[in-house]
Amino acid sequence: MVGVSLVTQEPKAWRLSRGGWRANTIPLGSHPSRLTSVSCPRINTCVGVGVVGVNGDGSGEGFAEQVAAGAWHKMALPSGTPGLYSISCVSATWCMAVGSEVADQIAYTTKTVALKWNGATWKQVTAPINSLTGPNPWIDAVSCLSTNFCMAVGYSDVETPLAEAWNGAAWTVTTPPPVGASMNIQQLDAISCASAKSCLAVGTDSGCCGGHRGMALAWDGSSWTDVSGVASDVSMSGVSCTKVTSCLVVGTKSPNDSESFQPSAVVEKWDGTTWTAINVEAVWKQSALNAISCSNTNWCAAVGSYTTGSGVTYPLVERWNGRTLNRV
């Protein structure tokens, strides 16, 4: 699990071992910073990425850290690397990280980036920008199965979902379909691939006046299909698929009537055909789940936060055993 210390504004990582959590600070100096994503291809081998010096628009300089000898160490990145928002490692010597930044504040133009790690250095393999992506694309998430297959997702400023595929040598834009009866802005925030012919990407379809609903798109190896089936007022922010027929998706239900209904964590299961809601025990005043990782169909960990009645926010961890969710 990764996050940021609310006191020091330093990124932190938590490790679950023998039923308990242990926190590790990842100091990066005096600038506020946050660790946005982590990937562990094997035990005690993890690489994390994030943003340091966060600007008002959410962009900033990218950074990467890896675990060595039980401690986190900063990795050198190409000069000018923008904020990194997702990483996927298939081994200790191969990872792909993606990110974005606002390149021009006045004209509001964006820049996307993809970096490949070979076990020794990071090399930029910038994702394409062309007419299919729209003028200002933004990449939020990536899922890799091998050195020859990754899928990255996000959105463009023409208010449509964006997806790009890596074939081992270059990125190719794949064109997700518009989700039916769109409210306004369609944004993909997470993706997980069980095979090169089976990926599930999730996000949010947002309206101009506060309305929103969950959005899900399925990849079959050649095209995307809208499989959105989650309820309204839901933002989907994390997904993990261990098989073509087994994906868990997490998010937050945030009704427009926030006076009567507080935000609450949501978990949905996708079997390749239908959605099933998973019961999440109510936690204090409000709760949210932001990310999930599954090692098999009977073991997943979902992370987020909950807020008490006094307004204090704490980390939230839920573990899936194949049948039920339990707080850790």
C-alpha atoms as a PDB file:
ATOM      1  CA  MET A   1       0.000   0.000   0.000  1.00  0.00           C
ATOM      2  CA  VAL A   2       1.275   3.497  -0.801  1.00  0.00           C
ATOM      3  CA  GLY A   3       0.231   6.974   0.243  1.00  0.00           C
ATOM      4  CA  VAL A   4       1.414  10.232   1.770  1.00  0.00           C
ATOM      5  CA  SER A   5       1.998  11.388   5.339  1.00  0.00           C
ATOM      6  CA  LEU A   6      -0.559  14.106   6.141  1.00  0.00           C
ATOM      7  CA  VAL A   7       1.881  15.618   8.639  1.00  0.00           C
ATOM      8  CA  THR A   8       5.162  15.756   6.679  1.00  0.00           C
ATOM      9  CA  GLN A   9       3.785  15.542   3.114  1.00  0.00           C
ATOM     10  CA  GLU A  10       6.326  12.784   2.466  1.00  0.00           C
ATOM     11  CA  PRO A  11       5.412   9.641   0.529  1.00  0.00           C
ATOM     12  CA  LYS A  12       4.998   6.530   2.637  1.00  0.00           C
ATOM     13  CA  ALA A  13       4.752   2.812   1.915  1.00  0.00           C
ATOM     14  CA  TRP A  14       3.151   0.197   4.162  1.00  0.00           C
ATOM     15  CA  ARG A  15       4.045  -3.483   4.083  1.00  0.00           C
ATOM     16  CA  LEU A  16       1.714  -6.233   5.283  1.00  0.00           C
ATOM     17  CA  SER A  17       3.657  -9.072   6.912  1.00  0.00           C
ATOM     18  CA  ARG A  18       2.430 -11.741   9.321  1.00  0.00           C
ATOM     19  CA  GLY A  19      -0.878  -9.972   9.869  1.00  0.00           C
ATOM     20  CA  GLY A  20       0.588  -6.551  10.701  1.00  0.00           C
ATOM     21  CA  TRP A  21       1.413  -3.337   8.817  1.00  0.00           C
ATOM     22  CA  ARG A  22       4.759  -1.561   8.937  1.00  0.00           C
ATOM     23  CA  ALA A  23       5.220   1.948   7.547  1.00  0.00           C
ATOM     24  CA  ASN A  24       8.298   3.217   5.697  1.00  0.00           C
ATOM     25  CA  THR A  25       8.855   6.888   4.902  1.00  0.00           C
ATOM     26  CA  ILE A  26      10.376   7.711   1.529  1.00  0.00           C
ATOM     27  CA  PRO A  27      11.929  11.172   2.058  1.00  0.00           C
ATOM     28  CA  LEU A  28      12.383  13.372  -0.996  1.00  0.00           C
ATOM     29  CA  GLY A  29      13.367  16.703   0.549  1.00  0.00           C
ATOM     30  CA  SER A  30      11.301  19.734   1.474  1.00  0.00           C
ATOM     31  CA  HIS A  31       8.823  19.702  -1.423  1.00  0.00           C
ATOM     32  CA  PRO A  32       5.380  18.094  -0.957  1.00  0.00           C
ATOM     33  CA  SER A  33       5.250  14.776  -2.780  1.00  0.00           C
ATOM     34  CA  ARG A  34       3.069  11.707  -3.129  1.00  0.00           C
ATOM     35  CA  LEU A  35       3.647   8.120  -4.123  1.00  0.00           C
ATOM     36  CA  THR A  36       0.953   7.247  -6.649  1.00  0.00           C
ATOM     37  CA  SER A  37       1.614   3.625  -7.642  1.00  0.00           C
ATOM     38  CA  VAL A  38       3.700   0.590  -6.745  1.00  0.00           C
ATOM     39  CA  SER A  39       4.364  -2.751  -8.459  1.00  0.00           C
ATOM     40  CA  CYS A  40       6.002  -5.783  -6.845  1.00  0.00           C
ATOM     41  CA  PRO A  41       6.906  -8.544  -9.326  1.00  0.00           C
ATOM     42  CA  ARG A  42       8.120 -10.734  -6.449  1.00  0.00           C
ATOM     43  CA  ILE A  43       8.607 -10.664  -2.667  1.00  0.00           C
ATOM     44  CA  ASN A  44      10.940  -7.861  -1.502  1.00  0.00           C
ATOM     45  CA  THR A  45      11.189  -6.505  -5.046  1.00  0.00           C
ATOM     46  CA  CYS A  46       9.075  -3.379  -5.568  1.00  0.00           C
ATOM     47  CA  VAL A  47       9.258  -0.201  -7.620  1.00  0.00           C
ATOM     48  CA  GLY A  48       7.152   2.856  -6.806  1.00  0.00           C
ATOM     49  CA  VAL A  49       6.503   6.058  -8.764  1.00  0.00           C
ATOM     50  CA  GLY A  50       4.973   9.400  -7.935  1.00  0.00           C
ATOM     51  CA  VAL A  51       4.952  13.170  -8.161  1.00  0.00           C
ATOM     52  CA  VAL A  52       7.127  15.673  -6.267  1.00  0.00           C
ATOM     53  CA  GLY A  53       6.499  19.407  -6.081  1.00  0.00           C
ATOM     54  CA  VAL A  54       2.809  19.024  -6.909  1.00  0.00           C
ATOM     55  CA  ASN A  55       1.339  22.068  -8.692  1.00  0.00           C
ATOM     56  CA  GLY A  56      -2.177  23.399  -8.364  1.00  0.00           C
ATOM     57  CA  ASP A  57      -3.245  21.513 -11.496  1.00  0.00           C
ATOM     58  CA  GLY A  58      -2.063  18.200 -10.012  1.00  0.00           C
ATOM     59  CA  SER A  59       1.072  17.936 -12.150  1.00  0.00           C
ATOM     60  CA  GLY A  60       4.698  18.049 -11.058  1.00  0.00           C
ATOM     61  CA  GLU A  61       8.070  16.379 -11.450  1.00  0.00           C
ATOM     62  CA  GLY A  62       8.126  12.590 -11.550  1.00  0.00           C
ATOM     63  CA  PHE A  63      10.176  10.333  -9.301  1.00  0.00           C
ATOM     64  CA  ALA A  64      10.794   6.596  -8.912  1.00  0.00           C
ATOM     65  CA  GLU A  65      11.978   4.515  -5.932  1.00  0.00           C
ATOM     66  CA  GLN A  66      12.885   0.851  -5.545  1.00  0.00           C
ATOM     67  CA  VAL A  67      13.301  -1.476  -2.586  1.00  0.00           C
ATOM     68  CA  ALA A  68      16.844  -2.728  -2.010  1.00  0.00           C
ATOM     69  CA  ALA A  69      18.093  -4.445   1.157  1.00  0.00           C
ATOM     70  CA  GLY A  70      14.789  -3.679   2.866  1.00  0.00           C
ATOM     71  CA  ALA A  71      14.936   0.080   2.245  1.00  0.00           C
ATOM     72  CA  TRP A  72      13.637   2.448  -0.442  1.00  0.00           C
ATOM     73  CA  HIS A  73      16.170   4.163  -2.708  1.00  0.00           C
ATOM     74  CA  LYS A  74      15.652   6.882  -5.314  1.00  0.00           C
ATOM     75  CA  MET A  75      16.112   5.916  -8.969  1.00  0.00           C
ATOM     76  CA  ALA A  76      17.506   8.263 -11.630  1.00  0.00           C
ATOM     77  CA  LEU A  77      14.976   9.329 -14.280  1.00  0.00           C
ATOM     78  CA  PRO A  78      15.471  11.098 -17.625  1.00  0.00           C
ATOM     79  CA  SER A  79      15.609  14.872 -17.220  1.00  0.00           C
ATOM     80  CA  GLY A  80      12.228  16.578 -17.427  1.00  0.00           C
ATOM     81  CA  THR A  81      10.161  13.499 -16.573  1.00  0.00           C
ATOM     82  CA  PRO A  82       6.655  14.697 -15.610  1.00  0.00           C
ATOM     83  CA  GLY A  83       4.540  13.279 -12.802  1.00  0.00           C
ATOM     84  CA  LEU A  84       4.239   9.486 -12.902  1.00  0.00           C
ATOM     85  CA  TYR A  85       0.861   7.991 -11.995  1.00  0.00           C
ATOM     86  CA  SER A  86       1.158   4.257 -12.615  1.00  0.00           C
ATOM     87  CA  ILE A  87       3.730   1.478 -12.922  1.00  0.00           C
ATOM     88  CA  SER A  88       3.557  -2.192 -13.901  1.00  0.00           C
ATOM     89  CA  CYS A  89       6.514  -4.576 -13.525  1.00  0.00           C
ATOM     90  CA  VAL A  90       6.689  -8.046 -15.071  1.00  0.00           C
ATOM     91  CA  SER A  91      10.079  -8.810 -13.486  1.00  0.00           C
ATOM     92  CA  ALA A  92      12.833  -7.189 -11.441  1.00  0.00           C
ATOM     93  CA  THR A  93      14.445  -6.084 -14.698  1.00  0.00           C
ATOM     94  CA  TRP A  94      11.432  -4.854 -16.681  1.00  0.00           C
ATOM     95  CA  CYS A  95       8.825  -2.228 -15.761  1.00  0.00           C
ATOM     96  CA  MET A  96       6.716   0.316 -17.591  1.00  0.00           C
ATOM     97  CA  ALA A  97       5.712   3.599 -15.922  1.00  0.00           C
ATOM     98  CA  VAL A  98       3.325   6.213 -17.349  1.00  0.00           C
ATOM     99  CA  GLY A  99       2.468   9.775 -16.504  1.00  0.00           C
ATOM    100  CA  SER A 100       1.308  13.180 -17.679  1.00  0.00           C
ATOM    101  CA  GLU A 101       1.683  16.886 -17.029  1.00  0.00           C
ATOM    102  CA  VAL A 102       0.228  20.232 -18.072  1.00  0.00           C
ATOM    103  CA  ALA A 103       2.906  21.537 -20.433  1.00  0.00           C
ATOM    104  CA  ASP A 104       1.359  24.999 -20.966  1.00  0.00           C
ATOM    105  CA  GLN A 105      -0.818  26.503 -18.246  1.00  0.00           C
ATOM    106  CA  ILE A 106      -2.242  29.281 -20.430  1.00  0.00           C
ATOM    107  CA  ALA A 107      -3.064  27.240 -23.539  1.00  0.00           C
ATOM    108  CA  TYR A 108      -3.657  24.148 -21.367  1.00  0.00           C
ATOM    109  CA  THR A 109      -1.705  21.690 -23.446  1.00  0.00           C
ATOM    110  CA  THR A 110      -0.609  18.396 -21.935  1.00  0.00           C
ATOM    111  CA  LYS A 111       2.321  16.024 -22.267  1.00  0.00           C
ATOM    112  CA  THR A 112       2.220  12.259 -21.753  1.00  0.00           C
ATOM    113  CA  VAL A 113       5.177  10.028 -21.049  1.00  0.00           C
ATOM    114  CA  ALA A 114       6.023   6.337 -20.826  1.00  0.00           C
ATOM    115  CA  LEU A 115       9.274   5.082 -19.300  1.00  0.00           C
ATOM    116  CA  LYS A 116      10.747   1.585 -19.582  1.00  0.00           C
ATOM    117  CA  TRP A 117      13.031   0.102 -16.888  1.00  0.00           C
ATOM    118  CA  ASN A 118      15.563  -2.550 -17.965  1.00  0.00           C
ATOM    119  CA  GLY A 119      16.987  -3.327 -14.533  1.00  0.00           C
ATOM    120  CA  ALA A 120      19.697  -0.667 -14.786  1.00  0.00           C
ATOM    121  CA  THR A 121      18.275   2.506 -16.364  1.00  0.00           C
ATOM    122  CA  TRP A 122      15.011   4.173 -17.335  1.00  0.00           C
ATOM    123  CA  LYS A 123      14.428   4.965 -21.024  1.00  0.00           C
ATOM    124  CA  GLN A 124      11.669   7.178 -22.372  1.00  0.00           C
ATOM    125  CA  VAL A 125       9.305   5.512 -24.862  1.00  0.00           C
ATOM    126  CA  THR A 126       6.758   8.298 -25.121  1.00  0.00           C
ATOM    127  CA  ALA A 127       3.230   7.213 -25.946  1.00  0.00           C
ATOM    128  CA  PRO A 128       1.844   8.625 -29.215  1.00  0.00           C
ATOM    129  CA  ILE A 129      -0.204  11.771 -29.587  1.00  0.00           C
ATOM    130  CA  ASN A 130      -2.309  11.906 -32.733  1.00  0.00           C
ATOM    131  CA  SER A 131      -5.823  12.594 -33.956  1.00  0.00           C
ATOM    132  CA  LEU A 132      -7.161   9.506 -32.226  1.00  0.00           C
ATOM    133  CA  THR A 133      -6.094  10.676 -28.770  1.00  0.00           C
ATOM    134  CA  GLY A 134      -7.459  14.186 -29.051  1.00  0.00           C
ATOM    135  CA  PRO A 135      -5.315  17.308 -28.696  1.00  0.00           C
ATOM    136  CA  ASN A 136      -4.523  16.951 -24.980  1.00  0.00           C
ATOM    137  CA  PRO A 137      -4.350  13.340 -23.730  1.00  0.00           C
ATOM    138  CA  TRP A 138      -3.771  12.339 -20.120  1.00  0.00           C
ATOM    139  CA  ILE A 139      -2.508   8.874 -19.100  1.00  0.00           C
ATOM    140  CA  ASP A 140      -3.462   7.579 -15.642  1.00  0.00           C
ATOM    141  CA  ALA A 141      -2.816   3.817 -15.520  1.00  0.00           C
ATOM    142  CA  VAL A 142      -0.925   0.924 -17.132  1.00  0.00           C
ATOM    143  CA  SER A 143      -1.078  -2.880 -16.935  1.00  0.00           C
ATOM    144  CA  CYS A 144       1.665  -5.102 -18.406  1.00  0.00           C
ATOM    145  CA  LEU A 145       1.671  -8.885 -18.866  1.00  0.00           C
ATOM    146  CA  SER A 146       5.047  -9.208 -20.587  1.00  0.00           C
ATOM    147  CA  THR A 147       7.757  -7.114 -22.217  1.00  0.00           C
ATOM    148  CA  ASN A 148       5.658  -7.319 -25.386  1.00  0.00           C
ATOM    149  CA  PHE A 149       2.243  -6.322 -24.056  1.00  0.00           C
ATOM    150  CA  CYS A 150       0.994  -3.398 -21.974  1.00  0.00           C
ATOM    151  CA  MET A 151      -2.230  -1.420 -22.053  1.00  0.00           C
ATOM    152  CA  ALA A 152      -2.350   2.176 -20.782  1.00  0.00           C
ATOM    153  CA  VAL A 153      -5.536   4.184 -20.238  1.00  0.00           C
ATOM    154  CA  GLY A 154      -6.663   7.714 -19.458  1.00  0.00           C
ATOM    155  CA  TYR A 155      -8.667  10.354 -21.289  1.00  0.00           C
ATOM    156  CA  SER A 156      -8.431  13.185 -23.811  1.00  0.00           C
ATOM    157  CA  ASP A 157      -9.807  16.707 -23.625  1.00  0.00           C
ATOM    158  CA  VAL A 158     -12.426  15.795 -26.210  1.00  0.00           C
ATOM    159  CA  GLU A 159     -14.013  14.132 -23.176  1.00  0.00           C
ATOM    160  CA  THR A 160     -13.592  10.535 -24.298  1.00  0.00           C
ATOM    161  CA  PRO A 161     -11.734   7.524 -22.859  1.00  0.00           C
ATOM    162  CA  LEU A 162      -8.221   6.874 -24.140  1.00  0.00           C
ATOM    163  CA  ALA A 163      -6.302   3.580 -24.427  1.00  0.00           C
ATOM    164  CA  GLU A 164      -2.897   2.751 -25.896  1.00  0.00           C
ATOM    165  CA  ALA A 165      -1.261  -0.664 -26.409  1.00  0.00           C
ATOM    166  CA  TRP A 166       2.466  -1.523 -26.207  1.00  0.00           C
ATOM    167  CA  ASN A 167       3.760  -4.318 -28.473  1.00  0.00           C
ATOM    168  CA  GLY A 168       7.359  -4.455 -27.282  1.00  0.00           C
ATOM    169  CA  ALA A 169       8.605  -1.783 -29.666  1.00  0.00           C
ATOM    170  CA  ALA A 170       6.022   1.006 -29.879  1.00  0.00           C
ATOM    171  CA  TRP A 171       2.681   2.304 -28.628  1.00  0.00           C
ATOM    172  CA  THR A 172      -0.481   2.125 -30.734  1.00  0.00           C
ATOM    173  CA  VAL A 173      -3.669   4.017 -29.942  1.00  0.00           C
ATOM    174  CA  THR A 174      -6.722   1.807 -29.562  1.00  0.00           C
ATOM    175  CA  THR A 175     -10.027   3.626 -29.731  1.00  0.00           C
ATOM    176  CA  PRO A 176     -12.517   2.887 -26.939  1.00  0.00           C
ATOM    177  CA  PRO A 177     -16.142   3.450 -27.898  1.00  0.00           C
ATOM    178  CA  PRO A 178     -18.094   6.342 -26.415  1.00  0.00           C
ATOM    179  CA  VAL A 179     -20.030   5.070 -23.431  1.00  0.00           C
ATOM    180  CA  GLY A 180     -23.764   5.236 -24.074  1.00  0.00           C
ATOM    181  CA  ALA A 181     -25.684   8.289 -22.894  1.00  0.00           C
ATOM    182  CA  SER A 182     -22.558  10.069 -21.701  1.00  0.00           C
ATOM    183  CA  MET A 183     -23.072  12.713 -19.058  1.00  0.00           C
ATOM    184  CA  ASN A 184     -20.082  14.842 -19.984  1.00  0.00           C
ATOM    185  CA  ILE A 185     -16.477  13.782 -19.273  1.00  0.00           C
ATOM    186  CA  GLN A 186     -15.458  10.125 -19.581  1.00  0.00           C
ATOM    187  CA  GLN A 187     -12.217   9.281 -17.807  1.00  0.00           C
ATOM    188  CA  LEU A 188     -10.503   5.889 -17.362  1.00  0.00           C
ATOM    189  CA  ASP A 189      -8.543   5.695 -14.103  1.00  0.00           C
ATOM    190  CA  ALA A 190      -7.428   2.051 -13.807  1.00  0.00           C
ATOM    191  CA  ILE A 191      -6.830  -1.060 -15.897  1.00  0.00           C
ATOM    192  CA  SER A 192      -5.986  -4.708 -15.326  1.00  0.00           C
ATOM    193  CA  CYS A 193      -5.234  -7.328 -17.982  1.00  0.00           C
ATOM    194  CA  ALA A 194      -5.627 -11.068 -17.407  1.00  0.00           C
ATOM    195  CA  SER A 195      -4.316 -11.791 -20.904  1.00  0.00           C
ATOM    196  CA  ALA A 196      -3.443  -9.918 -24.081  1.00  0.00           C
ATOM    197  CA  LYS A 197      -7.017 -10.577 -25.171  1.00  0.00           C
ATOM    198  CA  SER A 198      -8.727  -9.679 -21.910  1.00  0.00           C
ATOM    199  CA  CYS A 199      -8.435  -6.342 -20.091  1.00  0.00           C
ATOM    200  CA  LEU A 200     -10.905  -4.423 -17.961  1.00  0.00           C
ATOM    201  CA  ALA A 201     -10.573  -0.633 -17.688  1.00  0.00           C
ATOM    202  CA  VAL A 202     -12.675   1.370 -15.239  1.00  0.00           C
ATOM    203  CA  GLY A 203     -13.340   5.012 -14.524  1.00  0.00           C
ATOM    204  CA  THR A 204     -16.034   7.625 -14.215  1.00  0.00           C
ATOM    205  CA  ASP A 205     -18.539   9.274 -16.517  1.00  0.00           C
ATOM    206  CA  SER A 206     -19.020  12.735 -14.995  1.00  0.00           C
ATOM    207  CA  GLY A 207     -21.659  15.384 -15.648  1.00  0.00           C
ATOM    208  CA  CYS A 208     -21.346  19.129 -15.627  1.00  0.00           C
ATOM    209  CA  CYS A 209     -23.470  19.613 -12.517  1.00  0.00           C
ATOM    210  CA  GLY A 210     -22.230  16.942 -10.135  1.00  0.00           C
ATOM    211  CA  GLY A 211     -23.821  13.808 -11.564  1.00  0.00           C
ATOM    212  CA  HIS A 212     -21.556  10.830 -12.196  1.00  0.00           C
ATOM    213  CA  ARG A 213     -21.559   7.072 -12.625  1.00  0.00           C
ATOM    214  CA  GLY A 214     -19.131   4.210 -12.913  1.00  0.00           C
ATOM    215  CA  MET A 215     -17.740   3.263 -16.301  1.00  0.00           C
ATOM    216  CA  ALA A 216     -16.172  -0.020 -17.457  1.00  0.00           C
ATOM    217  CA  LEU A 217     -14.713  -1.068 -20.826  1.00  0.00           C
ATOM    218  CA  ALA A 218     -13.575  -4.587 -21.798  1.00  0.00           C
ATOM    219  CA  TRP A 219     -10.769  -5.349 -24.289  1.00  0.00           C
ATOM    220  CA  ASP A 220     -10.958  -8.600 -26.312  1.00  0.00           C
ATOM    221  CA  GLY A 221      -7.659  -8.321 -28.156  1.00  0.00           C
ATOM    222  CA  SER A 222      -8.942  -6.237 -31.053  1.00  0.00           C
ATOM    223  CA  SER A 223     -11.634  -3.848 -29.792  1.00  0.00           C
ATOM    224  CA  TRP A 224     -13.277  -2.332 -26.713  1.00  0.00           C
ATOM    225  CA  THR A 225     -16.821  -3.021 -25.499  1.00  0.00           C
ATOM    226  CA  ASP A 226     -18.815  -0.928 -23.069  1.00  0.00           C
ATOM    227  CA  VAL A 227     -19.692  -3.226 -20.146  1.00  0.00           C
ATOM    228  CA  SER A 228     -20.640  -0.492 -17.666  1.00  0.00           C
ATOM    229  CA  GLY A 229     -23.094  -1.904 -15.191  1.00  0.00           C
ATOM    230  CA  VAL A 230     -22.339  -0.233 -11.872  1.00  0.00           C
ATOM    231  CA  ALA A 231     -24.828   2.069 -10.209  1.00  0.00           C
ATOM    232  CA  SER A 232     -25.053   5.844 -10.575  1.00  0.00           C
ATOM    233  CA  ASP A 233     -23.229   8.157  -8.149  1.00  0.00           C
ATOM    234  CA  VAL A 234     -20.248   5.770  -8.234  1.00  0.00           C
ATOM    235  CA  SER A 235     -16.631   6.551  -9.186  1.00  0.00           C
ATOM    236  CA  MET A 236     -14.572   3.452 -10.028  1.00  0.00           C
ATOM    237  CA  SER A 237     -10.870   3.913  -9.281  1.00  0.00           C
ATOM    238  CA  GLY A 238      -9.217   0.471  -9.042  1.00  0.00           C
ATOM    239  CA  VAL A 239      -9.386  -2.944 -10.725  1.00  0.00           C
ATOM    240  CA  SER A 240      -7.504  -6.232 -10.516  1.00  0.00           C
ATOM    241  CA  CYS A 241      -8.124  -9.280 -12.729  1.00  0.00           C
ATOM    242  CA  THR A 242      -6.587 -12.680 -11.988  1.00  0.00           C
ATOM    243  CA  LYS A 243      -8.540 -14.510 -14.709  1.00  0.00           C
ATOM    244  CA  VAL A 244     -10.650 -13.595 -17.698  1.00  0.00           C
ATOM    245  CA  THR A 245     -13.684 -14.441 -15.569  1.00  0.00           C
ATOM    246  CA  SER A 246     -12.540 -12.884 -12.297  1.00  0.00           C
ATOM    247  CA  CYS A 247     -12.038  -9.153 -11.715  1.00  0.00           C
ATOM    248  CA  LEU A 248     -12.645  -7.072  -8.599  1.00  0.00           C
ATOM    249  CA  VAL A 249     -13.312  -3.351  -8.964  1.00  0.00           C
ATOM    250  CA  VAL A 250     -13.257  -0.777  -6.153  1.00  0.00           C
ATOM    251  CA  GLY A 251     -14.480   2.767  -5.869  1.00  0.00           C
ATOM    252  CA  THR A 252     -16.654   5.192  -3.977  1.00  0.00           C
ATOM    253  CA  LYS A 253     -20.365   5.937  -3.968  1.00  0.00           C
ATOM    254  CA  SER A 254     -20.808   9.690  -3.531  1.00  0.00           C
ATOM    255  CA  PRO A 255     -24.473  10.743  -3.739  1.00  0.00           C
ATOM    256  CA  ASN A 256     -25.157  14.328  -4.751  1.00  0.00           C
ATOM    257  CA  ASP A 257     -27.172  14.687  -1.541  1.00  0.00           C
ATOM    258  CA  SER A 258     -24.091  14.674   0.709  1.00  0.00           C
ATOM    259  CA  GLU A 259     -26.068  16.023   3.652  1.00  0.00           C
ATOM    260  CA  SER A 260     -28.169  12.872   3.894  1.00  0.00           C
ATOM    261  CA  PHE A 261     -25.792  10.307   2.372  1.00  0.00           C
ATOM    262  CA  GLN A 262     -22.049  10.234   3.079  1.00  0.00           C
ATOM    263  CA  PRO A 263     -19.514   8.768   0.598  1.00  0.00           C
ATOM    264  CA  SER A 264     -19.014   5.025   1.072  1.00  0.00           C
ATOM    265  CA  ALA A 265     -16.648   2.371  -0.301  1.00  0.00           C
ATOM    266  CA  VAL A 266     -17.882   0.179  -3.174  1.00  0.00           C
ATOM    267  CA  VAL A 267     -16.639  -3.221  -4.419  1.00  0.00           C
ATOM    268  CA  GLU A 268     -17.996  -4.953  -7.547  1.00  0.00           C
ATOM    269  CA  LYS A 269     -17.064  -8.327  -9.043  1.00  0.00           C
ATOM    270  CA  TRP A 270     -16.992  -8.894 -12.826  1.00  0.00           C
ATOM    271  CA  ASP A 271     -17.111 -12.479 -14.151  1.00  0.00           C
ATOM    272  CA  GLY A 272     -16.811 -11.559 -17.797  1.00  0.00           C
ATOM    273  CA  THR A 273     -20.566 -11.371 -18.226  1.00  0.00           C
ATOM    274  CA  THR A 274     -22.275  -9.903 -15.171  1.00  0.00           C
ATOM    275  CA  TRP A 275     -21.586  -7.613 -12.220  1.00  0.00           C
ATOM    276  CA  THR A 276     -22.109  -8.633  -8.593  1.00  0.00           C
ATOM    277  CA  ALA A 277     -22.006  -6.176  -5.706  1.00  0.00           C
ATOM    278  CA  ILE A 278     -19.780  -7.220  -2.787  1.00  0.00           C
ATOM    279  CA  ASN A 279     -20.905  -6.136   0.664  1.00  0.00           C
ATOM    280  CA  VAL A 280     -18.572  -3.609   2.311  1.00  0.00           C
ATOM    281  CA  GLU A 281     -19.092  -3.027   6.016  1.00  0.00           C
ATOM    282  CA  ALA A 282     -19.862   0.626   6.807  1.00  0.00           C
ATOM    283  CA  VAL A 283     -16.819   2.346   8.314  1.00  0.00           C
ATOM    284  CA  TRP A 284     -17.354   5.404  10.538  1.00  0.00           C
ATOM    285  CA  LYS A 285     -18.733   8.535   8.896  1.00  0.00           C
ATOM    286  CA  GLN A 286     -17.444   8.033   5.351  1.00  0.00           C
ATOM    287  CA  SER A 287     -15.091   5.757   3.428  1.00  0.00           C
ATOM    288  CA  ALA A 288     -13.483   5.246   0.020  1.00  0.00           C
ATOM    289  CA  LEU A 289     -11.466   2.545  -1.740  1.00  0.00           C
ATOM    290  CA  ASN A 290      -8.929   3.721  -4.313  1.00  0.00           C
ATOM    291  CA  ALA A 291      -6.934   0.679  -5.452  1.00  0.00           C
ATOM    292  CA  ILE A 292      -6.879  -3.110  -5.331  1.00  0.00           C
ATOM    293  CA  SER A 293      -4.388  -5.886  -6.033  1.00  0.00           C
ATOM    294  CA  CYS A 294      -5.190  -9.613  -6.304  1.00  0.00           C
ATOM    295  CA  SER A 295      -2.708 -12.487  -6.327  1.00  0.00           C
ATOM    296  CA  ASN A 296      -5.428 -15.046  -7.079  1.00  0.00           C
ATOM    297  CA  THR A 297      -9.208 -15.370  -6.978  1.00  0.00           C
ATOM    298  CA  ASN A 298      -9.126 -15.963  -3.222  1.00  0.00           C
ATOM    299  CA  TRP A 299      -6.731 -13.222  -2.111  1.00  0.00           C
ATOM    300  CA  CYS A 300      -7.027  -9.500  -2.759  1.00  0.00           C
ATOM    301  CA  ALA A 301      -6.166  -6.380  -0.783  1.00  0.00           C
ATOM    302  CA  ALA A 302      -8.089  -3.145  -1.366  1.00  0.00           C
ATOM    303  CA  VAL A 303      -6.839   0.150   0.068  1.00  0.00           C
ATOM    304  CA  GLY A 304      -8.373   3.544   0.678  1.00  0.00           C
ATOM    305  CA  SER A 305      -9.347   5.712   3.646  1.00  0.00           C
ATOM    306  CA  TYR A 306     -12.089   6.383   6.147  1.00  0.00           C
ATOM    307  CA  THR A 307     -13.068   9.507   8.084  1.00  0.00           C
ATOM    308  CA  THR A 308     -14.405   9.518  11.619  1.00  0.00           C
ATOM    309  CA  GLY A 309     -17.223  11.647  12.934  1.00  0.00           C
ATOM    310  CA  SER A 310     -14.641  14.098  14.289  1.00  0.00           C
ATOM    311  CA  GLY A 311     -13.164  14.557  10.806  1.00  0.00           C
ATOM    312  CA  VAL A 312      -9.947  12.551  11.292  1.00  0.00           C
ATOM    313  CA  THR A 313      -8.905  10.453   8.264  1.00  0.00           C
ATOM    314  CA  TYR A 314      -7.160   7.063   8.542  1.00  0.00           C
ATOM    315  CA  PRO A 315      -5.981   4.397   6.059  1.00  0.00           C
ATOM    316  CA  LEU A 316      -8.493   1.666   5.225  1.00  0.00           C
ATOM    317  CA  VAL A 317      -7.530  -1.853   4.114  1.00  0.00           C
ATOM    318  CA  GLU A 318     -10.004  -4.568   3.117  1.00  0.00           C
ATOM    319  CA  ARG A 319      -8.982  -8.146   2.307  1.00  0.00           C
ATOM    320  CA  TRP A 320     -10.938 -10.471   0.016  1.00  0.00           C
ATOM    321  CA  ASN A 321     -10.827 -14.220   0.733  1.00  0.00           C
ATOM    322  CA  GLY A 322     -12.905 -15.333  -2.236  1.00  0.00           C
ATOM    323  CA  ARG A 323     -16.175 -15.027  -0.331  1.00  0.00           C
ATOM    324  CA  THR A 324     -16.199 -11.944   1.893  1.00  0.00           C
ATOM    325  CA  LEU A 325     -14.369  -8.707   2.595  1.00  0.00           C
ATOM    326  CA  ASN A 326     -12.753  -8.180   5.989  1.00  0.00           C
ATOM    327  CA  ARG A 327     -10.963  -5.155   7.421  1.00  0.00           C
ATOM    328  CA  VAL A 328      -7.264  -5.639   8.104  1.00  0.00           C
END
